[in-house]
Amino acid sequence: MIKLRDLHFEYPGSRFARSVSALDVASGETVAIVGPSGSGKTTLLNLIAGVALPGSGEVFVAGETLSKQGDSARR
């Protein structure tokens, strides 16, 4: 299961910023992330994968809070 709560992300030195108030993806559920170039699709996937960390909010994957894990555990 994937849960995003009150997520906010900005690239330092950039005007790019995205927020997600809530997103739930159940285990076994199939979803598609669609949007125009530059809309944040890859950034969202990087946040879910633990490659990037949000400025605020929480990302939960399989019941674990990614921001509370070390770099190697997240990845």
C-alpha atoms as a PDB file:
ATOM      1  CA  MET A   1       0.000   0.000   0.000  1.00  0.00           C
ATOM      2  CA  ILE A   2       1.142   3.541  -0.780  1.00  0.00           C
ATOM      3  CA  LYS A   3      -0.157   6.590   1.075  1.00  0.00           C
ATOM      4  CA  LEU A   4       0.768  10.230   0.600  1.00  0.00           C
ATOM      5  CA  ARG A   5      -0.384  12.784   3.160  1.00  0.00           C
ATOM      6  CA  ASP A   6      -0.041  16.586   2.963  1.00  0.00           C
ATOM      7  CA  LEU A   7       2.961  16.221   0.677  1.00  0.00           C
ATOM      8  CA  HIS A   8       4.835  19.273  -0.579  1.00  0.00           C
ATOM      9  CA  PHE A   9       7.991  19.199  -2.704  1.00  0.00           C
ATOM     10  CA  GLU A  10      10.176  21.908  -4.262  1.00  0.00           C
ATOM     11  CA  TYR A  11      13.449  21.664  -6.143  1.00  0.00           C
ATOM     12  CA  PRO A  12      15.969  24.050  -4.520  1.00  0.00           C
ATOM     13  CA  GLY A  13      16.596  27.119  -6.643  1.00  0.00           C
ATOM     14  CA  SER A  14      13.664  26.333  -8.938  1.00  0.00           C
ATOM     15  CA  ARG A  15      10.106  27.551  -9.302  1.00  0.00           C
ATOM     16  CA  PHE A  16       8.896  23.956  -9.633  1.00  0.00           C
ATOM     17  CA  ALA A  17       6.737  22.906  -6.681  1.00  0.00           C
ATOM     18  CA  ARG A  18       4.055  20.269  -6.262  1.00  0.00           C
ATOM     19  CA  SER A  19       1.639  19.389  -3.485  1.00  0.00           C
ATOM     20  CA  VAL A  20      -0.502  16.303  -2.926  1.00  0.00           C
ATOM     21  CA  SER A  21      -3.028  16.475  -0.106  1.00  0.00           C
ATOM     22  CA  ALA A  22      -3.822  12.743  -0.166  1.00  0.00           C
ATOM     23  CA  LEU A  23      -3.250   9.724  -2.375  1.00  0.00           C
ATOM     24  CA  ASP A  24      -3.982   6.094  -1.513  1.00  0.00           C
ATOM     25  CA  VAL A  25      -2.962   3.150  -3.683  1.00  0.00           C
ATOM     26  CA  ALA A  26      -4.035  -0.226  -2.325  1.00  0.00           C
ATOM     27  CA  SER A  27      -1.824  -3.275  -2.533  1.00  0.00           C
ATOM     28  CA  GLY A  28      -2.415  -4.935  -5.913  1.00  0.00           C
ATOM     29  CA  GLU A  29      -4.178  -1.876  -7.341  1.00  0.00           C
ATOM     30  CA  THR A  30      -3.072  -0.613 -10.755  1.00  0.00           C
ATOM     31  CA  VAL A  31      -2.885   3.130 -11.353  1.00  0.00           C
ATOM     32  CA  ALA A  32      -1.598   5.383 -14.109  1.00  0.00           C
ATOM     33  CA  ILE A  33       0.200   8.674 -13.635  1.00  0.00           C
ATOM     34  CA  VAL A  34      -0.508  10.916 -16.603  1.00  0.00           C
ATOM     35  CA  GLY A  35       0.081  14.551 -17.422  1.00  0.00           C
ATOM     36  CA  PRO A  36       2.002  16.861 -19.701  1.00  0.00           C
ATOM     37  CA  SER A  37       5.769  17.143 -19.733  1.00  0.00           C
ATOM     38  CA  GLY A  38       7.011  18.980 -16.650  1.00  0.00           C
ATOM     39  CA  SER A  39       3.909  18.344 -14.554  1.00  0.00           C
ATOM     40  CA  GLY A  40       5.724  16.269 -11.915  1.00  0.00           C
ATOM     41  CA  LYS A  41       5.097  12.633 -12.870  1.00  0.00           C
ATOM     42  CA  THR A  42       8.726  11.558 -12.409  1.00  0.00           C
ATOM     43  CA  THR A  43       9.043  13.656  -9.265  1.00  0.00           C
ATOM     44  CA  LEU A  44       6.021  11.883  -7.781  1.00  0.00           C
ATOM     45  CA  LEU A  45       7.529   8.486  -8.594  1.00  0.00           C
ATOM     46  CA  ASN A  46      10.866   9.562  -7.078  1.00  0.00           C
ATOM     47  CA  LEU A  47       9.063  10.587  -3.879  1.00  0.00           C
ATOM     48  CA  ILE A  48       7.219   7.265  -3.695  1.00  0.00           C
ATOM     49  CA  ALA A  49      10.464   5.352  -4.370  1.00  0.00           C
ATOM     50  CA  GLY A  50      12.345   7.264  -1.674  1.00  0.00           C
ATOM     51  CA  VAL A  51      14.825   8.745  -4.139  1.00  0.00           C
ATOM     52  CA  ALA A  52      13.592  12.248  -3.249  1.00  0.00           C
ATOM     53  CA  LEU A  53      12.247  13.429   0.104  1.00  0.00           C
ATOM     54  CA  PRO A  54       9.343  15.846   0.495  1.00  0.00           C
ATOM     55  CA  GLY A  55       9.827  19.235   2.126  1.00  0.00           C
ATOM     56  CA  SER A  56       6.791  18.436   4.250  1.00  0.00           C
ATOM     57  CA  GLY A  57       4.206  15.707   4.571  1.00  0.00           C
ATOM     58  CA  GLU A  58       4.601  11.952   4.669  1.00  0.00           C
ATOM     59  CA  VAL A  59       5.072   9.094   2.233  1.00  0.00           C
ATOM     60  CA  PHE A  60       4.077   5.663   3.535  1.00  0.00           C
ATOM     61  CA  VAL A  61       5.002   2.503   1.609  1.00  0.00           C
ATOM     62  CA  ALA A  62       3.955  -0.877   3.010  1.00  0.00           C
ATOM     63  CA  GLY A  63       3.212   0.803   6.349  1.00  0.00           C
ATOM     64  CA  GLU A  64       6.673   2.386   6.662  1.00  0.00           C
ATOM     65  CA  THR A  65       7.265   6.143   6.760  1.00  0.00           C
ATOM     66  CA  LEU A  66      10.003   6.751   4.190  1.00  0.00           C
ATOM     67  CA  SER A  67      11.263  10.014   5.714  1.00  0.00           C
ATOM     68  CA  LYS A  68      12.089   8.197   8.967  1.00  0.00           C
ATOM     69  CA  GLN A  69      14.359   5.692   7.220  1.00  0.00           C
ATOM     70  CA  GLY A  70      18.000   6.165   6.341  1.00  0.00           C
ATOM     71  CA  ASP A  71      19.074   6.678   2.765  1.00  0.00           C
ATOM     72  CA  SER A  72      20.021   3.057   2.076  1.00  0.00           C
ATOM     73  CA  ALA A  73      16.844   1.661   3.693  1.00  0.00           C
ATOM     74  CA  ARG A  74      14.663   4.052   1.668  1.00  0.00           C
ATOM     75  CA  ARG A  75      16.174   3.052  -1.632  1.00  0.00           C
END
